[in-house]
Amino acid sequence: MQQIFENPDLLNLIIDQSLLAVAQEYLNCSPVLDLVALWWSAPFHGKGTSLAAQEYHHDMDRIKFLKVFIYLTNVNSENGPHCYVKGSHIRKPKELVFDGRKSDATIGLHYLESEIHELCGPRGTIIIADTRGFHKGKTLTSGNRLLFQIEFSNSLFGANYPKVRMDKISDVSQLRQLVDKYHRTYSQILFN
């Protein structure tokens, strides 16, 4: 995670005030920057799809959270678009409530085709999702996909992620101002 903060382009996305405003509106509180990650996906040819989040699942990272996904490569139907089941973050059939991976067929038995969305787009496409709903990265059949993830939550109750030290970044003045202004949001960022 440290290396992500050392990249100025990714750091600018992490501290983007419009993304912060969306998270604040959705979470109905001052959000906490919880996690950032890069996900590189390549074709597995039928192997490892569950571990690669390429089967439907729902996240339970925190009490309430919102994830921002940004495509860093062009994404079409063949190279791993994010798929999301509309409304599944609010209500799930009781047969699907328990954690675990779900096949396309299982999801199709419980949701209408019109509720299942495959989100393709050019590099720079931003997807904002409550991943308590069913979602997956579609299995790649060709090409690669690089996706940047930013997660905001309403608290840090739950998984314990490491804090980020800003020792190696040369110009931290803007970031330090934001950390001072939005201390709760950026509480996982530490300076010397």
N, C-alpha and C. Protein backbone atom coordinates (compact mmCIF):
# COMPACT_ATOMS: atom_id res chain seq x y z
N MET A 1 0.82 -1.19 0.00
CA MET A 1 0.00 0.00 0.00
C MET A 1 0.87 1.26 0.00
N GLN A 2 2.01 1.20 0.64
CA GLN A 2 2.91 2.35 0.72
C GLN A 2 3.27 2.87 -0.67
N GLN A 3 3.58 1.96 -1.60
CA GLN A 3 4.00 2.36 -2.94
C GLN A 3 2.89 3.10 -3.68
N ILE A 4 1.65 2.76 -3.41
CA ILE A 4 0.53 3.46 -4.04
C ILE A 4 0.55 4.93 -3.65
N PHE A 5 0.78 5.22 -2.37
CA PHE A 5 0.81 6.60 -1.90
C PHE A 5 2.01 7.36 -2.44
N GLU A 6 3.04 6.66 -2.86
CA GLU A 6 4.23 7.30 -3.40
C GLU A 6 4.06 7.67 -4.88
N ASN A 7 2.99 7.21 -5.52
CA ASN A 7 2.71 7.55 -6.91
C ASN A 7 1.84 8.80 -6.93
N PRO A 8 2.33 9.92 -7.50
CA PRO A 8 1.58 11.18 -7.44
C PRO A 8 0.20 11.10 -8.12
N ASP A 9 0.08 10.37 -9.21
CA ASP A 9 -1.22 10.27 -9.89
C ASP A 9 -2.23 9.52 -9.03
N LEU A 10 -1.80 8.43 -8.42
CA LEU A 10 -2.70 7.67 -7.55
C LEU A 10 -3.03 8.46 -6.28
N LEU A 11 -2.03 9.16 -5.75
CA LEU A 11 -2.27 9.97 -4.56
C LEU A 11 -3.31 11.05 -4.84
N ASN A 12 -3.24 11.66 -6.02
CA ASN A 12 -4.25 12.67 -6.38
C ASN A 12 -5.65 12.09 -6.41
N LEU A 13 -5.79 10.84 -6.83
CA LEU A 13 -7.10 10.19 -6.80
C LEU A 13 -7.54 9.91 -5.37
N ILE A 14 -6.60 9.48 -4.54
CA ILE A 14 -6.92 9.17 -3.14
C ILE A 14 -7.45 10.40 -2.41
N ILE A 15 -6.89 11.57 -2.70
CA ILE A 15 -7.29 12.79 -1.98
C ILE A 15 -8.29 13.63 -2.77
N ASP A 16 -8.81 13.11 -3.86
CA ASP A 16 -9.77 13.84 -4.68
C ASP A 16 -11.01 14.22 -3.85
N GLN A 17 -11.29 15.50 -3.80
CA GLN A 17 -12.37 16.00 -2.95
C GLN A 17 -13.75 15.59 -3.45
N SER A 18 -13.91 15.41 -4.76
CA SER A 18 -15.23 14.99 -5.26
C SER A 18 -15.53 13.55 -4.86
N LEU A 19 -14.53 12.68 -4.87
CA LEU A 19 -14.74 11.30 -4.41
C LEU A 19 -15.04 11.27 -2.91
N LEU A 20 -14.33 12.10 -2.17
CA LEU A 20 -14.58 12.21 -0.73
C LEU A 20 -16.01 12.69 -0.46
N ALA A 21 -16.48 13.65 -1.25
CA ALA A 21 -17.85 14.17 -1.07
C ALA A 21 -18.90 13.10 -1.35
N VAL A 22 -18.68 12.28 -2.37
CA VAL A 22 -19.61 11.19 -2.67
C VAL A 22 -19.65 10.21 -1.50
N ALA A 23 -18.48 9.85 -0.99
CA ALA A 23 -18.42 8.92 0.14
C ALA A 23 -19.11 9.50 1.37
N GLN A 24 -18.89 10.78 1.62
CA GLN A 24 -19.51 11.42 2.78
C GLN A 24 -21.03 11.42 2.65
N GLU A 25 -21.52 11.71 1.47
CA GLU A 25 -22.97 11.73 1.24
C GLU A 25 -23.56 10.33 1.42
N TYR A 26 -22.91 9.32 0.87
CA TYR A 26 -23.44 7.95 0.94
C TYR A 26 -23.37 7.39 2.36
N LEU A 27 -22.25 7.61 3.03
CA LEU A 27 -22.06 7.05 4.37
C LEU A 27 -22.74 7.88 5.46
N ASN A 28 -23.13 9.09 5.09
CA ASN A 28 -23.81 10.00 6.01
C ASN A 28 -22.96 10.32 7.24
N CYS A 29 -21.66 10.45 7.00
CA CYS A 29 -20.72 10.82 8.06
C CYS A 29 -19.41 11.23 7.41
N SER A 30 -18.49 11.71 8.22
CA SER A 30 -17.15 11.97 7.73
C SER A 30 -16.50 10.61 7.48
N PRO A 31 -16.20 10.28 6.22
CA PRO A 31 -15.70 8.93 5.92
C PRO A 31 -14.26 8.73 6.35
N VAL A 32 -13.89 7.48 6.50
CA VAL A 32 -12.53 7.09 6.82
C VAL A 32 -11.93 6.41 5.60
N LEU A 33 -10.77 6.91 5.15
CA LEU A 33 -10.05 6.21 4.09
C LEU A 33 -9.54 4.91 4.70
N ASP A 34 -10.03 3.83 4.18
CA ASP A 34 -9.85 2.53 4.81
C ASP A 34 -8.76 1.71 4.12
N LEU A 35 -8.78 1.71 2.80
CA LEU A 35 -7.91 0.82 2.04
C LEU A 35 -7.73 1.35 0.64
N VAL A 36 -6.54 1.20 0.11
CA VAL A 36 -6.30 1.42 -1.32
C VAL A 36 -5.57 0.19 -1.84
N ALA A 37 -5.84 -0.16 -3.09
CA ALA A 37 -5.23 -1.36 -3.66
C ALA A 37 -5.21 -1.26 -5.18
N LEU A 38 -4.28 -1.97 -5.77
CA LEU A 38 -4.24 -2.16 -7.22
C LEU A 38 -4.51 -3.63 -7.50
N TRP A 39 -5.37 -3.90 -8.47
CA TRP A 39 -5.72 -5.27 -8.85
C TRP A 39 -5.36 -5.49 -10.31
N TRP A 40 -4.40 -6.36 -10.54
CA TRP A 40 -3.99 -6.72 -11.90
C TRP A 40 -4.61 -8.08 -12.22
N SER A 41 -5.37 -8.13 -13.30
CA SER A 41 -6.05 -9.37 -13.68
C SER A 41 -5.58 -9.81 -15.06
N ALA A 42 -5.42 -11.11 -15.20
CA ALA A 42 -5.03 -11.73 -16.46
C ALA A 42 -5.85 -13.00 -16.63
N PRO A 43 -5.94 -13.54 -17.84
CA PRO A 43 -6.69 -14.78 -18.02
C PRO A 43 -6.08 -15.93 -17.22
N PHE A 44 -6.91 -16.68 -16.50
CA PHE A 44 -6.46 -17.83 -15.73
C PHE A 44 -6.80 -19.14 -16.43
N HIS A 45 -7.56 -19.05 -17.51
CA HIS A 45 -7.97 -20.24 -18.27
C HIS A 45 -8.62 -21.27 -17.37
N GLY A 46 -9.61 -20.79 -16.57
CA GLY A 46 -10.40 -21.69 -15.74
C GLY A 46 -9.81 -21.98 -14.37
N LYS A 47 -8.64 -21.45 -14.07
CA LYS A 47 -8.00 -21.73 -12.78
C LYS A 47 -7.97 -20.46 -11.93
N GLY A 48 -8.24 -20.62 -10.64
CA GLY A 48 -8.07 -19.51 -9.71
C GLY A 48 -9.13 -18.45 -9.74
N THR A 49 -10.26 -18.68 -10.42
CA THR A 49 -11.25 -17.61 -10.55
C THR A 49 -11.87 -17.22 -9.21
N SER A 50 -12.02 -18.16 -8.29
CA SER A 50 -12.59 -17.82 -6.99
C SER A 50 -11.64 -16.93 -6.20
N LEU A 51 -10.37 -17.27 -6.19
CA LEU A 51 -9.38 -16.46 -5.48
C LEU A 51 -9.20 -15.10 -6.11
N ALA A 52 -9.45 -15.00 -7.40
CA ALA A 52 -9.28 -13.74 -8.12
C ALA A 52 -10.56 -12.90 -8.11
N ALA A 53 -11.52 -13.25 -7.27
CA ALA A 53 -12.79 -12.52 -7.14
C ALA A 53 -13.56 -12.50 -8.46
N GLN A 54 -13.41 -13.57 -9.25
CA GLN A 54 -14.08 -13.64 -10.54
C GLN A 54 -15.33 -14.53 -10.48
N GLU A 55 -15.85 -14.72 -9.27
CA GLU A 55 -17.16 -15.32 -9.07
C GLU A 55 -17.93 -14.36 -8.17
N TYR A 56 -19.24 -14.35 -8.31
CA TYR A 56 -20.05 -13.42 -7.51
C TYR A 56 -19.84 -13.64 -6.02
N HIS A 57 -19.75 -12.55 -5.29
CA HIS A 57 -19.59 -12.57 -3.84
C HIS A 57 -20.03 -11.22 -3.30
N HIS A 58 -20.14 -11.11 -2.00
CA HIS A 58 -20.41 -9.82 -1.38
C HIS A 58 -19.40 -9.63 -0.26
N ASP A 59 -18.95 -8.39 -0.12
CA ASP A 59 -17.92 -8.08 0.86
C ASP A 59 -18.55 -7.74 2.21
N MET A 60 -17.78 -8.00 3.24
CA MET A 60 -18.21 -7.65 4.60
C MET A 60 -17.05 -7.00 5.34
N ASP A 61 -16.35 -6.09 4.66
CA ASP A 61 -15.14 -5.47 5.20
C ASP A 61 -15.39 -4.69 6.49
N ARG A 62 -16.43 -3.90 6.48
CA ARG A 62 -16.74 -3.00 7.60
C ARG A 62 -18.25 -3.00 7.82
N ILE A 63 -18.70 -2.16 8.76
CA ILE A 63 -20.13 -2.04 9.02
C ILE A 63 -20.82 -1.45 7.79
N LYS A 64 -20.30 -0.34 7.31
CA LYS A 64 -20.81 0.30 6.10
C LYS A 64 -19.62 0.89 5.37
N PHE A 65 -19.56 0.68 4.07
CA PHE A 65 -18.41 1.15 3.30
C PHE A 65 -18.80 1.37 1.85
N LEU A 66 -17.94 2.04 1.14
CA LEU A 66 -18.15 2.35 -0.26
C LEU A 66 -16.82 2.20 -0.97
N LYS A 67 -16.84 1.51 -2.10
CA LYS A 67 -15.60 1.31 -2.86
C LYS A 67 -15.64 2.10 -4.16
N VAL A 68 -14.51 2.69 -4.49
CA VAL A 68 -14.32 3.40 -5.74
C VAL A 68 -13.35 2.56 -6.57
N PHE A 69 -13.78 2.17 -7.76
CA PHE A 69 -12.93 1.42 -8.68
C PHE A 69 -12.64 2.31 -9.88
N ILE A 70 -11.38 2.40 -10.25
CA ILE A 70 -10.99 3.20 -11.41
C ILE A 70 -10.21 2.30 -12.35
N TYR A 71 -10.72 2.17 -13.58
CA TYR A 71 -10.02 1.37 -14.58
C TYR A 71 -8.76 2.12 -15.02
N LEU A 72 -7.61 1.48 -14.90
CA LEU A 72 -6.35 2.06 -15.36
C LEU A 72 -5.97 1.51 -16.73
N THR A 73 -6.78 0.61 -17.24
CA THR A 73 -6.67 0.10 -18.61
C THR A 73 -8.06 0.16 -19.23
N ASN A 74 -8.13 0.12 -20.56
CA ASN A 74 -9.43 0.01 -21.21
C ASN A 74 -10.03 -1.34 -20.87
N VAL A 75 -11.32 -1.37 -20.58
CA VAL A 75 -11.96 -2.62 -20.16
C VAL A 75 -13.18 -2.87 -21.04
N ASN A 76 -13.15 -4.04 -21.72
CA ASN A 76 -14.30 -4.47 -22.51
C ASN A 76 -14.83 -5.78 -21.94
N SER A 77 -15.75 -6.39 -22.62
CA SER A 77 -16.40 -7.60 -22.11
C SER A 77 -15.43 -8.78 -21.97
N GLU A 78 -14.31 -8.74 -22.68
CA GLU A 78 -13.37 -9.87 -22.67
C GLU A 78 -12.26 -9.75 -21.63
N ASN A 79 -12.00 -8.54 -21.12
CA ASN A 79 -10.86 -8.42 -20.21
C ASN A 79 -11.25 -7.95 -18.81
N GLY A 80 -12.31 -8.56 -18.26
CA GLY A 80 -12.58 -8.45 -16.84
C GLY A 80 -13.39 -7.28 -16.35
N PRO A 81 -14.50 -6.93 -17.00
CA PRO A 81 -15.29 -5.82 -16.47
C PRO A 81 -15.87 -6.14 -15.09
N HIS A 82 -16.06 -5.10 -14.32
CA HIS A 82 -16.73 -5.23 -13.02
C HIS A 82 -18.20 -5.53 -13.30
N CYS A 83 -18.74 -6.51 -12.62
CA CYS A 83 -20.16 -6.87 -12.75
C CYS A 83 -20.83 -6.67 -11.39
N TYR A 84 -22.06 -6.15 -11.41
CA TYR A 84 -22.75 -5.82 -10.17
C TYR A 84 -24.23 -6.14 -10.30
N VAL A 85 -24.79 -6.68 -9.23
CA VAL A 85 -26.21 -7.01 -9.20
C VAL A 85 -26.94 -5.86 -8.50
N LYS A 86 -27.68 -5.10 -9.28
CA LYS A 86 -28.38 -3.92 -8.78
C LYS A 86 -29.34 -4.30 -7.65
N GLY A 87 -29.28 -3.53 -6.56
CA GLY A 87 -30.17 -3.72 -5.43
C GLY A 87 -29.76 -4.80 -4.44
N SER A 88 -28.75 -5.59 -4.79
CA SER A 88 -28.37 -6.70 -3.90
C SER A 88 -27.65 -6.23 -2.64
N HIS A 89 -27.24 -4.98 -2.60
CA HIS A 89 -26.63 -4.44 -1.38
C HIS A 89 -27.69 -4.13 -0.32
N ILE A 90 -28.95 -4.07 -0.73
CA ILE A 90 -30.05 -3.76 0.19
C ILE A 90 -30.73 -5.03 0.68
N ARG A 91 -31.00 -5.94 -0.25
CA ARG A 91 -31.75 -7.14 0.10
C ARG A 91 -31.23 -8.32 -0.72
N LYS A 92 -31.05 -9.44 -0.03
CA LYS A 92 -30.59 -10.68 -0.68
C LYS A 92 -31.56 -11.80 -0.34
N PRO A 93 -31.78 -12.73 -1.26
CA PRO A 93 -32.56 -13.93 -0.91
C PRO A 93 -31.83 -14.68 0.20
N LYS A 94 -32.59 -15.24 1.14
CA LYS A 94 -31.94 -15.86 2.31
C LYS A 94 -31.02 -17.01 1.91
N GLU A 95 -31.26 -17.65 0.78
CA GLU A 95 -30.37 -18.73 0.32
C GLU A 95 -28.98 -18.21 -0.04
N LEU A 96 -28.88 -16.91 -0.29
CA LEU A 96 -27.60 -16.33 -0.74
C LEU A 96 -26.92 -15.46 0.32
N VAL A 97 -27.51 -15.37 1.50
CA VAL A 97 -26.99 -14.45 2.52
C VAL A 97 -25.62 -14.85 3.02
N PHE A 98 -25.39 -16.13 3.20
CA PHE A 98 -24.12 -16.56 3.78
C PHE A 98 -22.97 -16.31 2.82
N ASP A 99 -21.82 -16.02 3.42
CA ASP A 99 -20.64 -15.69 2.64
C ASP A 99 -20.23 -16.87 1.77
N GLY A 100 -19.56 -16.56 0.72
CA GLY A 100 -19.08 -17.58 -0.20
C GLY A 100 -19.28 -17.13 -1.63
N ARG A 101 -18.65 -17.82 -2.53
CA ARG A 101 -18.74 -17.50 -3.95
C ARG A 101 -20.02 -18.09 -4.54
N LYS A 102 -20.59 -17.37 -5.49
CA LYS A 102 -21.82 -17.79 -6.15
C LYS A 102 -21.58 -17.82 -7.66
N SER A 103 -22.08 -18.86 -8.30
CA SER A 103 -21.92 -18.98 -9.75
C SER A 103 -22.87 -18.02 -10.47
N ASP A 104 -22.59 -17.77 -11.74
CA ASP A 104 -23.49 -16.96 -12.56
C ASP A 104 -24.88 -17.58 -12.57
N ALA A 105 -24.93 -18.92 -12.66
CA ALA A 105 -26.22 -19.62 -12.71
C ALA A 105 -27.01 -19.40 -11.43
N THR A 106 -26.35 -19.46 -10.28
CA THR A 106 -27.03 -19.24 -9.00
C THR A 106 -27.57 -17.82 -8.92
N ILE A 107 -26.77 -16.85 -9.29
CA ILE A 107 -27.23 -15.46 -9.29
C ILE A 107 -28.41 -15.30 -10.25
N GLY A 108 -28.32 -15.94 -11.42
CA GLY A 108 -29.39 -15.87 -12.41
C GLY A 108 -30.70 -16.45 -11.95
N LEU A 109 -30.66 -17.39 -11.02
CA LEU A 109 -31.89 -17.97 -10.48
C LEU A 109 -32.64 -16.99 -9.57
N HIS A 110 -31.92 -16.04 -9.00
CA HIS A 110 -32.50 -15.16 -7.99
C HIS A 110 -32.66 -13.71 -8.43
N TYR A 111 -32.05 -13.33 -9.54
CA TYR A 111 -32.13 -11.95 -10.00
C TYR A 111 -32.48 -11.92 -11.48
N LEU A 112 -33.17 -10.86 -11.87
CA LEU A 112 -33.52 -10.66 -13.28
C LEU A 112 -32.27 -10.30 -14.07
N GLU A 113 -32.28 -10.64 -15.34
CA GLU A 113 -31.15 -10.29 -16.21
C GLU A 113 -30.93 -8.78 -16.23
N SER A 114 -32.02 -8.01 -16.14
CA SER A 114 -31.92 -6.55 -16.15
C SER A 114 -31.27 -5.98 -14.89
N GLU A 115 -31.14 -6.79 -13.84
CA GLU A 115 -30.51 -6.34 -12.60
C GLU A 115 -29.01 -6.64 -12.57
N ILE A 116 -28.53 -7.41 -13.53
CA ILE A 116 -27.12 -7.81 -13.57
C ILE A 116 -26.41 -6.94 -14.61
N HIS A 117 -25.47 -6.15 -14.13
CA HIS A 117 -24.81 -5.17 -14.99
C HIS A 117 -23.33 -5.48 -15.17
N GLU A 118 -22.88 -5.42 -16.41
CA GLU A 118 -21.47 -5.58 -16.77
C GLU A 118 -20.97 -4.19 -17.14
N LEU A 119 -19.99 -3.69 -16.41
CA LEU A 119 -19.55 -2.30 -16.55
C LEU A 119 -18.23 -2.21 -17.31
N CYS A 120 -18.33 -1.94 -18.59
CA CYS A 120 -17.15 -1.77 -19.44
C CYS A 120 -16.87 -0.27 -19.56
N GLY A 121 -15.64 0.07 -19.94
CA GLY A 121 -15.34 1.47 -20.14
C GLY A 121 -13.88 1.70 -20.45
N PRO A 122 -13.57 2.90 -20.93
CA PRO A 122 -12.18 3.23 -21.24
C PRO A 122 -11.37 3.47 -19.96
N ARG A 123 -10.08 3.50 -20.13
CA ARG A 123 -9.18 3.85 -19.03
C ARG A 123 -9.69 5.15 -18.40
N GLY A 124 -9.75 5.19 -17.07
CA GLY A 124 -10.24 6.36 -16.37
C GLY A 124 -11.69 6.25 -15.93
N THR A 125 -12.38 5.20 -16.37
CA THR A 125 -13.76 4.99 -15.94
C THR A 125 -13.80 4.79 -14.43
N ILE A 126 -14.73 5.47 -13.77
CA ILE A 126 -14.88 5.38 -12.32
C ILE A 126 -16.19 4.67 -12.00
N ILE A 127 -16.11 3.66 -11.16
CA ILE A 127 -17.28 2.92 -10.69
C ILE A 127 -17.30 3.07 -9.17
N ILE A 128 -18.44 3.48 -8.65
CA ILE A 128 -18.58 3.62 -7.20
C ILE A 128 -19.66 2.64 -6.77
N ALA A 129 -19.31 1.74 -5.84
CA ALA A 129 -20.24 0.66 -5.49
C ALA A 129 -20.19 0.32 -4.01
N ASP A 130 -21.35 -0.03 -3.50
CA ASP A 130 -21.46 -0.63 -2.17
C ASP A 130 -21.32 -2.13 -2.41
N THR A 131 -20.15 -2.66 -2.12
CA THR A 131 -19.88 -4.07 -2.47
C THR A 131 -20.40 -5.05 -1.43
N ARG A 132 -21.31 -4.58 -0.56
CA ARG A 132 -22.11 -5.53 0.20
C ARG A 132 -23.08 -6.20 -0.76
N GLY A 133 -23.24 -5.60 -1.94
CA GLY A 133 -24.02 -6.19 -3.01
C GLY A 133 -23.18 -7.20 -3.77
N PHE A 134 -23.84 -8.12 -4.47
CA PHE A 134 -23.12 -9.13 -5.24
C PHE A 134 -22.38 -8.48 -6.40
N HIS A 135 -21.13 -8.86 -6.56
CA HIS A 135 -20.29 -8.32 -7.61
C HIS A 135 -19.19 -9.32 -7.93
N LYS A 136 -18.51 -9.07 -9.03
CA LYS A 136 -17.35 -9.87 -9.41
C LYS A 136 -16.59 -9.12 -10.48
N GLY A 137 -15.36 -9.55 -10.71
CA GLY A 137 -14.65 -9.17 -11.91
C GLY A 137 -14.89 -10.31 -12.89
N LYS A 138 -15.44 -10.01 -14.05
CA LYS A 138 -15.74 -11.06 -15.02
C LYS A 138 -14.44 -11.77 -15.42
N THR A 139 -14.52 -13.07 -15.58
CA THR A 139 -13.35 -13.85 -15.97
C THR A 139 -12.82 -13.34 -17.30
N LEU A 140 -11.52 -13.11 -17.35
CA LEU A 140 -10.90 -12.61 -18.57
C LEU A 140 -10.73 -13.74 -19.58
N THR A 141 -11.03 -13.44 -20.83
CA THR A 141 -10.76 -14.39 -21.91
C THR A 141 -9.61 -13.90 -22.77
N SER A 142 -9.28 -12.61 -22.68
CA SER A 142 -8.11 -12.08 -23.38
C SER A 142 -7.69 -10.77 -22.72
N GLY A 143 -6.46 -10.36 -23.00
CA GLY A 143 -5.97 -9.10 -22.48
C GLY A 143 -5.73 -9.11 -20.99
N ASN A 144 -5.58 -7.93 -20.42
CA ASN A 144 -5.33 -7.74 -19.00
C ASN A 144 -6.19 -6.58 -18.50
N ARG A 145 -6.31 -6.49 -17.19
CA ARG A 145 -7.04 -5.38 -16.60
C ARG A 145 -6.29 -4.91 -15.37
N LEU A 146 -6.11 -3.59 -15.27
CA LEU A 146 -5.54 -2.99 -14.06
C LEU A 146 -6.60 -2.06 -13.48
N LEU A 147 -6.90 -2.28 -12.21
CA LEU A 147 -7.97 -1.54 -11.54
C LEU A 147 -7.41 -0.97 -10.24
N PHE A 148 -7.72 0.29 -9.98
CA PHE A 148 -7.32 0.95 -8.74
C PHE A 148 -8.55 1.03 -7.84
N GLN A 149 -8.39 0.66 -6.58
CA GLN A 149 -9.50 0.64 -5.63
C GLN A 149 -9.21 1.57 -4.46
N ILE A 150 -10.20 2.38 -4.11
CA ILE A 150 -10.17 3.22 -2.92
C ILE A 150 -11.39 2.84 -2.10
N GLU A 151 -11.21 2.59 -0.81
CA GLU A 151 -12.35 2.23 0.03
C GLU A 151 -12.51 3.24 1.16
N PHE A 152 -13.73 3.74 1.30
CA PHE A 152 -14.10 4.61 2.41
C PHE A 152 -15.10 3.86 3.29
N SER A 153 -15.00 4.04 4.60
CA SER A 153 -15.94 3.37 5.51
C SER A 153 -16.43 4.37 6.55
N ASN A 154 -17.44 3.91 7.32
CA ASN A 154 -17.96 4.78 8.38
C ASN A 154 -17.20 4.59 9.69
N SER A 155 -16.37 3.54 9.78
CA SER A 155 -15.54 3.33 10.97
C SER A 155 -14.43 2.35 10.61
N LEU A 156 -13.51 2.15 11.52
CA LEU A 156 -12.44 1.18 11.31
C LEU A 156 -12.71 -0.13 12.05
N PHE A 157 -13.94 -0.32 12.49
CA PHE A 157 -14.30 -1.58 13.14
C PHE A 157 -14.24 -2.70 12.11
N GLY A 158 -13.50 -3.75 12.42
CA GLY A 158 -13.37 -4.88 11.50
C GLY A 158 -11.91 -5.16 11.22
N ALA A 159 -11.62 -5.47 9.99
CA ALA A 159 -10.26 -5.83 9.59
C ALA A 159 -9.27 -4.72 9.94
N ASN A 160 -8.05 -5.11 10.29
CA ASN A 160 -7.02 -4.15 10.67
C ASN A 160 -6.01 -4.04 9.54
N TYR A 161 -6.03 -2.91 8.83
CA TYR A 161 -5.08 -2.67 7.75
C TYR A 161 -3.94 -1.80 8.27
N PRO A 162 -2.74 -1.95 7.73
CA PRO A 162 -1.62 -1.15 8.22
C PRO A 162 -1.77 0.33 7.87
N LYS A 163 -1.24 1.17 8.75
CA LYS A 163 -1.22 2.60 8.47
C LYS A 163 -0.13 2.88 7.44
N VAL A 164 -0.24 4.02 6.79
CA VAL A 164 0.70 4.40 5.73
C VAL A 164 1.59 5.51 6.25
N ARG A 165 2.90 5.32 6.10
CA ARG A 165 3.87 6.33 6.52
C ARG A 165 4.27 7.14 5.29
N MET A 166 4.35 8.45 5.47
CA MET A 166 4.65 9.34 4.37
C MET A 166 6.11 9.80 4.39
N ASP A 167 6.99 8.99 4.93
CA ASP A 167 8.40 9.35 5.07
C ASP A 167 9.13 9.52 3.74
N LYS A 168 8.74 8.76 2.72
CA LYS A 168 9.50 8.73 1.47
C LYS A 168 9.00 9.71 0.42
N ILE A 169 7.93 10.41 0.69
CA ILE A 169 7.38 11.34 -0.29
C ILE A 169 8.01 12.70 -0.07
N SER A 170 8.54 13.29 -1.16
CA SER A 170 9.29 14.53 -1.03
C SER A 170 8.38 15.73 -0.73
N ASP A 171 7.28 15.88 -1.44
CA ASP A 171 6.41 17.04 -1.21
C ASP A 171 5.09 16.56 -0.61
N VAL A 172 4.98 16.67 0.70
CA VAL A 172 3.78 16.22 1.40
C VAL A 172 2.93 17.38 1.91
N SER A 173 3.26 18.61 1.49
CA SER A 173 2.57 19.77 2.06
C SER A 173 1.07 19.73 1.80
N GLN A 174 0.65 19.43 0.56
CA GLN A 174 -0.79 19.37 0.26
C GLN A 174 -1.46 18.25 1.05
N LEU A 175 -0.80 17.11 1.10
CA LEU A 175 -1.36 15.97 1.82
C LEU A 175 -1.46 16.27 3.32
N ARG A 176 -0.43 16.89 3.86
CA ARG A 176 -0.44 17.23 5.29
C ARG A 176 -1.59 18.19 5.61
N GLN A 177 -1.84 19.16 4.71
CA GLN A 177 -2.97 20.08 4.91
C GLN A 177 -4.30 19.32 4.93
N LEU A 178 -4.46 18.37 4.01
CA LEU A 178 -5.70 17.59 3.97
C LEU A 178 -5.85 16.69 5.19
N VAL A 179 -4.74 16.11 5.64
CA VAL A 179 -4.79 15.26 6.84
C VAL A 179 -5.18 16.11 8.04
N ASP A 180 -4.63 17.33 8.12
CA ASP A 180 -4.99 18.23 9.23
C ASP A 180 -6.46 18.65 9.14
N LYS A 181 -6.93 18.92 7.93
CA LYS A 181 -8.31 19.37 7.73
C LYS A 181 -9.32 18.24 7.92
N TYR A 182 -8.98 17.05 7.42
CA TYR A 182 -9.88 15.89 7.48
C TYR A 182 -9.22 14.77 8.27
N HIS A 183 -8.93 15.05 9.53
CA HIS A 183 -8.15 14.10 10.34
C HIS A 183 -8.82 12.73 10.42
N ARG A 184 -10.12 12.69 10.62
CA ARG A 184 -10.81 11.40 10.71
C ARG A 184 -10.68 10.63 9.40
N THR A 185 -10.88 11.31 8.29
CA THR A 185 -10.83 10.65 6.98
C THR A 185 -9.46 10.05 6.73
N TYR A 186 -8.42 10.80 7.01
CA TYR A 186 -7.06 10.35 6.69
C TYR A 186 -6.30 9.90 7.93
N SER A 187 -6.98 9.35 8.90
CA SER A 187 -6.34 8.94 10.16
C SER A 187 -5.35 7.79 9.99
N GLN A 188 -5.38 7.11 8.88
CA GLN A 188 -4.46 6.00 8.63
C GLN A 188 -3.15 6.46 8.00
N ILE A 189 -3.02 7.77 7.76
CA ILE A 189 -1.81 8.33 7.16
C ILE A 189 -0.98 8.99 8.26
N LEU A 190 0.29 8.59 8.35
CA LEU A 190 1.19 9.10 9.38
C LEU A 190 2.36 9.86 8.76
N PHE A 191 2.80 10.90 9.43
CA PHE A 191 3.99 11.65 9.03
C PHE A 191 5.06 11.48 10.10
N ASN A 192 6.30 11.87 9.77
CA ASN A 192 7.39 11.84 10.75
C ASN A 192 7.04 12.66 11.97
